[in-house]
Amino acid sequence: MKFDVSSLRWTREPRSSAITRDRIEIVTQPHTDLWQRTYYHFRNDNAPVLQMTTDEKFFSFVVKTEFAESHCTGTT
């Protein structure tokens, strides 16, 4: 599959991103997410989304994440 950076399209572009042929880095803002229809009817659809089209039936990619903070309070 040929990966063409110029074919990428944003839905809700982030304030900070860096895109190269080998790496896509997206820094999201606090409280952005893509939760839909949870048990408590919570919906949050405001995170950046980077998309592209392909004619390939299958493809794969690797995701690596880093979190600066945790929502965990450390108490039980």
C-alpha atoms as a PDB file:
ATOM      1  CA  MET A   1       0.000   0.000   0.000  1.00  0.00           C
ATOM      2  CA  LYS A   2       1.363   3.386  -0.941  1.00  0.00           C
ATOM      3  CA  PHE A   3       1.086   5.817   1.942  1.00  0.00           C
ATOM      4  CA  ASP A   4       0.592   9.349   0.657  1.00  0.00           C
ATOM      5  CA  VAL A   5       0.646  11.950   3.434  1.00  0.00           C
ATOM      6  CA  SER A   6      -1.139  14.457   1.193  1.00  0.00           C
ATOM      7  CA  SER A   7      -4.194  12.158   1.000  1.00  0.00           C
ATOM      8  CA  LEU A   8      -4.882  12.437   4.744  1.00  0.00           C
ATOM      9  CA  ARG A   9      -7.937  14.446   5.808  1.00  0.00           C
ATOM     10  CA  TRP A  10      -8.880  15.796   9.233  1.00  0.00           C
ATOM     11  CA  THR A  11     -12.206  15.761  11.005  1.00  0.00           C
ATOM     12  CA  ARG A  12     -11.711  18.151  13.914  1.00  0.00           C
ATOM     13  CA  GLU A  13      -8.051  19.035  13.433  1.00  0.00           C
ATOM     14  CA  PRO A  14      -5.988  19.124  16.656  1.00  0.00           C
ATOM     15  CA  ARG A  15      -4.108  22.182  17.859  1.00  0.00           C
ATOM     16  CA  SER A  16      -0.851  20.243  17.592  1.00  0.00           C
ATOM     17  CA  SER A  17       0.194  17.506  15.175  1.00  0.00           C
ATOM     18  CA  ALA A  18       3.220  16.351  13.188  1.00  0.00           C
ATOM     19  CA  ILE A  19       2.930  14.086  10.161  1.00  0.00           C
ATOM     20  CA  THR A  20       5.777  12.443   8.259  1.00  0.00           C
ATOM     21  CA  ARG A  21       5.991   9.355   6.084  1.00  0.00           C
ATOM     22  CA  ASP A  22       7.038   7.247   9.112  1.00  0.00           C
ATOM     23  CA  ARG A  23       5.180   8.876  11.973  1.00  0.00           C
ATOM     24  CA  ILE A  24       1.937  10.610  12.879  1.00  0.00           C
ATOM     25  CA  GLU A  25       1.937  12.473  16.187  1.00  0.00           C
ATOM     26  CA  ILE A  26      -1.296  13.961  17.486  1.00  0.00           C
ATOM     27  CA  VAL A  27      -1.461  15.892  20.758  1.00  0.00           C
ATOM     28  CA  THR A  28      -5.049  16.099  21.927  1.00  0.00           C
ATOM     29  CA  GLN A  29      -6.593  18.619  24.273  1.00  0.00           C
ATOM     30  CA  PRO A  30      -8.016  17.631  27.680  1.00  0.00           C
ATOM     31  CA  HIS A  31     -11.558  16.209  27.695  1.00  0.00           C
ATOM     32  CA  THR A  32     -11.543  15.098  24.049  1.00  0.00           C
ATOM     33  CA  ASP A  33     -12.819  11.610  23.309  1.00  0.00           C
ATOM     34  CA  LEU A  34     -14.846   9.431  20.938  1.00  0.00           C
ATOM     35  CA  TRP A  35     -17.187   7.636  23.359  1.00  0.00           C
ATOM     36  CA  GLN A  36     -20.567   6.718  21.894  1.00  0.00           C
ATOM     37  CA  ARG A  37     -23.690   5.402  23.593  1.00  0.00           C
ATOM     38  CA  THR A  38     -22.338   4.159  26.892  1.00  0.00           C
ATOM     39  CA  TYR A  39     -24.520   2.478  29.492  1.00  0.00           C
ATOM     40  CA  TYR A  40     -25.195   5.899  31.039  1.00  0.00           C
ATOM     41  CA  HIS A  41     -25.988   7.427  27.626  1.00  0.00           C
ATOM     42  CA  PHE A  42     -22.763   9.405  27.746  1.00  0.00           C
ATOM     43  CA  ARG A  43     -21.579  10.659  24.362  1.00  0.00           C
ATOM     44  CA  ASN A  44     -18.443  12.615  23.673  1.00  0.00           C
ATOM     45  CA  ASP A  45     -17.519  13.002  20.029  1.00  0.00           C
ATOM     46  CA  ASN A  46     -14.990  15.819  19.956  1.00  0.00           C
ATOM     47  CA  ALA A  47     -11.547  14.236  19.461  1.00  0.00           C
ATOM     48  CA  PRO A  48      -9.416  14.857  16.370  1.00  0.00           C
ATOM     49  CA  VAL A  49      -9.755  12.219  13.647  1.00  0.00           C
ATOM     50  CA  LEU A  50      -7.252  11.710  10.824  1.00  0.00           C
ATOM     51  CA  GLN A  51      -8.565   9.664   7.906  1.00  0.00           C
ATOM     52  CA  MET A  52      -7.602   8.371   4.489  1.00  0.00           C
ATOM     53  CA  THR A  53      -9.197   6.182   1.856  1.00  0.00           C
ATOM     54  CA  THR A  54      -7.638   3.047   0.422  1.00  0.00           C
ATOM     55  CA  ASP A  55      -8.494   0.402  -2.142  1.00  0.00           C
ATOM     56  CA  GLU A  56      -6.748  -2.224  -0.017  1.00  0.00           C
ATOM     57  CA  LYS A  57      -8.986  -4.886   1.495  1.00  0.00           C
ATOM     58  CA  PHE A  58      -6.681  -5.300   4.509  1.00  0.00           C
ATOM     59  CA  PHE A  59      -3.940  -3.201   6.075  1.00  0.00           C
ATOM     60  CA  SER A  60      -2.225  -2.918   9.429  1.00  0.00           C
ATOM     61  CA  PHE A  61      -0.623  -0.232  11.544  1.00  0.00           C
ATOM     62  CA  VAL A  62       1.045   0.135  14.925  1.00  0.00           C
ATOM     63  CA  VAL A  63      -0.232   2.474  17.635  1.00  0.00           C
ATOM     64  CA  LYS A  64       1.982   3.728  20.458  1.00  0.00           C
ATOM     65  CA  THR A  65       0.538   5.966  23.146  1.00  0.00           C
ATOM     66  CA  GLU A  66       1.914   8.235  25.857  1.00  0.00           C
ATOM     67  CA  PHE A  67      -0.182   9.701  28.621  1.00  0.00           C
ATOM     68  CA  ALA A  68       1.061  12.679  30.600  1.00  0.00           C
ATOM     69  CA  GLU A  69      -1.572  12.268  33.308  1.00  0.00           C
ATOM     70  CA  SER A  70      -3.836   9.582  34.683  1.00  0.00           C
ATOM     71  CA  HIS A  71      -7.474   9.779  35.679  1.00  0.00           C
ATOM     72  CA  CYS A  72      -6.760   7.223  38.380  1.00  0.00           C
ATOM     73  CA  THR A  73      -6.818   8.690  41.891  1.00  0.00           C
ATOM     74  CA  GLY A  74      -4.852   5.821  43.404  1.00  0.00           C
ATOM     75  CA  THR A  75      -7.556   5.103  45.997  1.00  0.00           C
ATOM     76  CA  THR A  76      -9.933   2.170  46.147  1.00  0.00           C
END
